C-alpha atoms as a PDB file:
ATOM      1  CA  MET A   1      23.739-122.058 -28.630  1.00  0.00           C
ATOM      2  CA  GLY A   2      26.577-123.878 -30.366  1.00  0.00           C
ATOM      3  CA  ASN A   3      27.559-121.343 -33.022  1.00  0.00           C
ATOM      4  CA  GLN A   4      26.690-118.291 -30.938  1.00  0.00           C
ATOM      5  CA  GLN A   5      29.305-118.905 -28.265  1.00  0.00           C
ATOM      6  CA  GLN A   6      32.844-117.778 -28.942  1.00  0.00           C
ATOM      7  CA  ARG A   7      35.565-120.372 -28.718  1.00  0.00           C
ATOM      8  CA  PRO A   8      38.628-119.326 -26.704  1.00  0.00           C
ATOM      9  CA  ASP A   9      40.763-119.215 -29.869  1.00  0.00           C
ATOM     10  CA  ARG A  10      38.310-116.706 -31.373  1.00  0.00           C
ATOM     11  CA  LEU A  11      38.553-114.182 -28.560  1.00  0.00           C
ATOM     12  CA  THR A  12      40.019-110.773 -29.301  1.00  0.00           C
ATOM     13  CA  ALA A  13      43.277-109.736 -27.695  1.00  0.00           C
ATOM     14  CA  ARG A  14      41.490-107.193 -25.534  1.00  0.00           C
ATOM     15  CA  THR A  15      39.033-109.845 -24.292  1.00  0.00           C
ATOM     16  CA  LYS A  16      41.993-112.023 -23.309  1.00  0.00           C
ATOM     17  CA  TRP A  17      43.551-109.040 -21.504  1.00  0.00           C
ATOM     18  CA  ARG A  18      40.328-108.576 -19.548  1.00  0.00           C
ATOM     19  CA  MET A  19      40.364-112.268 -18.659  1.00  0.00           C
ATOM     20  CA  ARG A  20      43.936-111.941 -17.367  1.00  0.00           C
ATOM     21  CA  ALA A  21      42.908-108.964 -15.218  1.00  0.00           C
ATOM     22  CA  VAL A  22      39.997-110.924 -13.727  1.00  0.00           C
ATOM     23  CA  GLU A  23      42.302-113.894 -13.048  1.00  0.00           C
ATOM     24  CA  ILE A  24      44.814-111.675 -11.215  1.00  0.00           C
ATOM     25  CA  LEU A  25      42.112-109.963  -9.165  1.00  0.00           C
ATOM     26  CA  TYR A  26      40.642-113.373  -8.310  1.00  0.00           C
ATOM     27  CA  GLU A  27      44.066-114.714  -7.323  1.00  0.00           C
ATOM     28  CA  ALA A  28      44.762-111.700  -5.105  1.00  0.00           C
ATOM     29  CA  GLU A  29      41.377-112.048  -3.433  1.00  0.00           C
ATOM     30  CA  SER A  30      41.700-115.799  -2.887  1.00  0.00           C
ATOM     31  CA  ARG A  31      45.211-115.362  -1.428  1.00  0.00           C
ATOM     32  CA  ASP A  32      44.060-112.330   0.604  1.00  0.00           C
ATOM     33  CA  ILE A  33      46.833-110.100  -0.730  1.00  0.00           C
ATOM     34  CA  GLU A  34      46.907-106.815  -2.596  1.00  0.00           C
ATOM     35  CA  PRO A  35      46.564-107.096  -6.392  1.00  0.00           C
ATOM     36  CA  SER A  36      49.771-105.051  -6.730  1.00  0.00           C
ATOM     37  CA  LYS A  37      51.643-107.899  -5.006  1.00  0.00           C
ATOM     38  CA  VAL A  38      50.351-110.409  -7.566  1.00  0.00           C
ATOM     39  CA  LEU A  39      51.375-107.997 -10.339  1.00  0.00           C
ATOM     40  CA  ALA A  40      54.856-107.703  -8.807  1.00  0.00           C
ATOM     41  CA  GLU A  41      55.165-111.491  -8.572  1.00  0.00           C
ATOM     42  CA  ARG A  42      54.168-111.865 -12.225  1.00  0.00           C
ATOM     43  CA  ALA A  43      56.640-109.176 -13.307  1.00  0.00           C
ATOM     44  CA  ASP A  44      59.411-110.814 -11.279  1.00  0.00           C
ATOM     45  CA  ARG A  45      58.645-114.224 -12.788  1.00  0.00           C
ATOM     46  CA  ALA A  46      58.668-112.750 -16.307  1.00  0.00           C
ATOM     47  CA  PHE A  47      61.993-111.017 -15.601  1.00  0.00           C
ATOM     48  CA  LYS A  48      63.626-114.223 -14.328  1.00  0.00           C
ATOM     49  CA  ASP A  49      62.117-116.569 -16.903  1.00  0.00           C
ATOM     50  CA  PRO A  50      62.077-115.489 -20.562  1.00  0.00           C
ATOM     51  CA  GLU A  51      59.479-118.204 -21.238  1.00  0.00           C
ATOM     52  CA  ALA A  52      57.039-116.860 -18.637  1.00  0.00           C
ATOM     53  CA  PRO A  53      54.099-114.973 -20.118  1.00  0.00           C
ATOM     54  CA  ARG A  54      54.249-111.190 -20.022  1.00  0.00           C
ATOM     55  CA  LEU A  55      51.265-109.357 -18.642  1.00  0.00           C
ATOM     56  CA  PRO A  56      49.725-107.004 -21.200  1.00  0.00           C
ATOM     57  CA  ALA A  57      49.734-103.347 -20.182  1.00  0.00           C
ATOM     58  CA  TYR A  58      45.937-103.141 -20.463  1.00  0.00           C
ATOM     59  CA  SER A  59      45.512-106.045 -18.018  1.00  0.00           C
ATOM     60  CA  GLU A  60      47.769-104.274 -15.548  1.00  0.00           C
ATOM     61  CA  GLN A  61      45.862-101.004 -16.046  1.00  0.00           C
ATOM     62  CA  LEU A  62      42.588-102.781 -15.251  1.00  0.00           C
ATOM     63  CA  VAL A  63      43.977-104.528 -12.166  1.00  0.00           C
ATOM     64  CA  ARG A  64      45.478-101.337 -10.754  1.00  0.00           C
ATOM     65  CA  GLY A  65      42.344 -99.340 -11.571  1.00  0.00           C
ATOM     66  CA  VAL A  66      39.979-101.827  -9.962  1.00  0.00           C
ATOM     67  CA  ALA A  67      42.200-102.029  -6.872  1.00  0.00           C
ATOM     68  CA  GLN A  68      42.290 -98.235  -6.593  1.00  0.00           C
ATOM     69  CA  LYS A  69      38.512 -97.806  -7.066  1.00  0.00           C
ATOM     70  CA  LEU A  70      37.399-100.980  -5.259  1.00  0.00           C
ATOM     71  CA  ASP A  71      35.189 -99.314  -2.631  1.00  0.00           C
ATOM     72  CA  GLU A  72      33.420 -97.175  -5.235  1.00  0.00           C
ATOM     73  CA  LEU A  73      32.906-100.135  -7.595  1.00  0.00           C
ATOM     74  CA  ASP A  74      31.614-102.446  -4.862  1.00  0.00           C
ATOM     75  CA  ALA A  75      29.201 -99.801  -3.550  1.00  0.00           C
ATOM     76  CA  VAL A  76      27.692 -99.313  -7.019  1.00  0.00           C
ATOM     77  CA  LEU A  77      27.594-103.055  -7.742  1.00  0.00           C
ATOM     78  CA  GLY A  78      25.947-103.728  -4.375  1.00  0.00           C
ATOM     79  CA  LYS A  79      23.146-101.285  -5.151  1.00  0.00           C
ATOM     80  CA  ALA A  80      22.771-102.570  -8.731  1.00  0.00           C
ATOM     81  CA  SER A  81      22.539-106.253  -7.833  1.00  0.00           C
ATOM     82  CA  SER A  82      19.161-106.243  -6.147  1.00  0.00           C
ATOM     83  CA  GLY A  83      19.252-108.668  -3.279  1.00  0.00           C
ATOM     84  CA  TRP A  84      22.865-109.783  -3.746  1.00  0.00           C
ATOM     85  CA  SER A  85      25.620-108.311  -1.625  1.00  0.00           C
ATOM     86  CA  VAL A  86      28.937-108.124  -3.442  1.00  0.00           C
ATOM     87  CA  GLU A  87      30.436-110.477  -0.848  1.00  0.00           C
ATOM     88  CA  ARG A  88      27.833-113.179  -1.628  1.00  0.00           C
ATOM     89  CA  MET A  89      28.524-113.185  -5.368  1.00  0.00           C
ATOM     90  CA  PRO A  90      30.739-115.946  -6.761  1.00  0.00           C
ATOM     91  CA  ALA A  91      34.314-114.604  -6.636  1.00  0.00           C
ATOM     92  CA  VAL A  92      34.995-114.855 -10.372  1.00  0.00           C
ATOM     93  CA  ASP A  93      31.707-113.157 -11.269  1.00  0.00           C
ATOM     94  CA  ARG A  94      32.367-110.447  -8.681  1.00  0.00           C
ATOM     95  CA  ASN A  95      35.699-109.652 -10.329  1.00  0.00           C
ATOM     96  CA  VAL A  96      34.217-109.760 -13.835  1.00  0.00           C
ATOM     97  CA  LEU A  97      31.680-107.174 -12.658  1.00  0.00           C
ATOM     98  CA  ARG A  98      34.392-105.029 -11.095  1.00  0.00           C
ATOM     99  CA  VAL A  99      36.435-104.974 -14.307  1.00  0.00           C
ATOM    100  CA  GLY A 100      33.344-104.249 -16.409  1.00  0.00           C
ATOM    101  CA  LEU A 101      32.186-101.413 -14.185  1.00  0.00           C
ATOM    102  CA  TYR A 102      35.701 -99.980 -14.005  1.00  0.00           C
ATOM    103  CA  GLU A 103      35.766 -99.854 -17.806  1.00  0.00           C
ATOM    104  CA  ILE A 104      32.326 -98.215 -17.923  1.00  0.00           C
ATOM    105  CA  ARG A 105      33.268 -95.525 -15.418  1.00  0.00           C
ATOM    106  CA  HIS A 106      36.978 -94.964 -15.927  1.00  0.00           C
ATOM    107  CA  VAL A 107      38.166 -96.072 -19.389  1.00  0.00           C
ATOM    108  CA  ALA A 108      37.318 -93.351 -21.878  1.00  0.00           C
ATOM    109  CA  ASP A 109      37.764 -95.385 -25.066  1.00  0.00           C
ATOM    110  CA  VAL A 110      35.398 -98.204 -24.023  1.00  0.00           C
ATOM    111  CA  ASP A 111      31.694 -97.513 -24.560  1.00  0.00           C
ATOM    112  CA  THR A 112      29.230 -98.864 -22.015  1.00  0.00           C
ATOM    113  CA  PRO A 113      27.600-101.420 -24.390  1.00  0.00           C
ATOM    114  CA  VAL A 114      31.064-102.727 -25.332  1.00  0.00           C
ATOM    115  CA  ALA A 115      32.118-103.023 -21.681  1.00  0.00           C
ATOM    116  CA  ILE A 116      28.945-104.960 -20.852  1.00  0.00           C
ATOM    117  CA  LYS A 117      29.291-107.261 -23.866  1.00  0.00           C
ATOM    118  CA  GLU A 118      32.947-107.905 -23.054  1.00  0.00           C
ATOM    119  CA  ALA A 119      32.159-108.662 -19.405  1.00  0.00           C
ATOM    120  CA  MET A 120      29.593-111.186 -20.603  1.00  0.00           C
ATOM    121  CA  ARG A 121      32.175-112.762 -22.936  1.00  0.00           C
ATOM    122  CA  VAL A 122      34.698-113.018 -20.103  1.00  0.00           C
ATOM    123  CA  ALA A 123      32.043-114.505 -17.823  1.00  0.00           C
ATOM    124  CA  GLU A 124      31.166-117.020 -20.543  1.00  0.00           C
ATOM    125  CA  GLN A 125      34.778-118.169 -20.622  1.00  0.00           C
ATOM    126  CA  ILE A 126      35.769-118.131 -16.951  1.00  0.00           C
ATOM    127  CA  GLY A 127      32.669-117.267 -14.922  1.00  0.00           C
ATOM    128  CA  SER A 128      31.001-119.527 -12.422  1.00  0.00           C
ATOM    129  CA  SER A 129      27.720-119.746 -14.322  1.00  0.00           C
ATOM    130  CA  ASP A 130      26.633-120.504 -17.861  1.00  0.00           C
ATOM    131  CA  ASP A 131      24.051-117.756 -17.510  1.00  0.00           C
ATOM    132  CA  THR A 132      25.525-114.336 -18.250  1.00  0.00           C
ATOM    133  CA  SER A 133      22.209-112.528 -17.732  1.00  0.00           C
ATOM    134  CA  PHE A 134      23.226-111.672 -14.137  1.00  0.00           C
ATOM    135  CA  ILE A 135      26.389-109.923 -15.387  1.00  0.00           C
ATOM    136  CA  ASN A 136      24.347-108.117 -18.048  1.00  0.00           C
ATOM    137  CA  ALA A 137      21.614-106.991 -15.646  1.00  0.00           C
ATOM    138  CA  VAL A 138      23.960-105.790 -12.890  1.00  0.00           C
ATOM    139  CA  LEU A 139      26.258-103.863 -15.236  1.00  0.00           C
ATOM    140  CA  ASP A 140      23.329-102.351 -17.122  1.00  0.00           C
ATOM    141  CA  THR A 141      21.802-101.135 -13.855  1.00  0.00           C
ATOM    142  CA  ALA A 142      25.184 -99.968 -12.518  1.00  0.00           C
ATOM    143  CA  ALA A 143      25.944 -98.065 -15.726  1.00  0.00           C
ATOM    144  CA  LYS A 144      22.719 -96.084 -15.365  1.00  0.00           C
ATOM    145  CA  ALA A 145      23.457 -95.213 -11.728  1.00  0.00           C
ATOM    146  CA  GLU A 146      25.439 -92.036 -11.460  1.00  0.00           C
END
């Protein structure tokens, strides 16, 4: 696979923004707090420390959107992931799927094939498995479910 896999320095800005969104959603889940609280903490840190990284607007849009539509997204993902409840999925993969499905259903300028490909790229970089076929299969099935 050597040349087929993207190196982190070759990722597009938007892929990196998606990765940031997944990281924030994962952090919120692992700390058992609302994603908006993690966003507020990041904004506060960036305000106090000029060296702290700023969160891209698209990352924030994804985090807020996923948080707002969480029940809808999880219901669709649960049905699309034959045999896997959303709660049983690895936490990073679960949040990659949530971001991908949010883009498919609620971001007008992202086509379904692009959202699926991007979710697979994010999973390749930060997911719990080297096999992105699960992400592909679940999102493909979820995208067809209306």
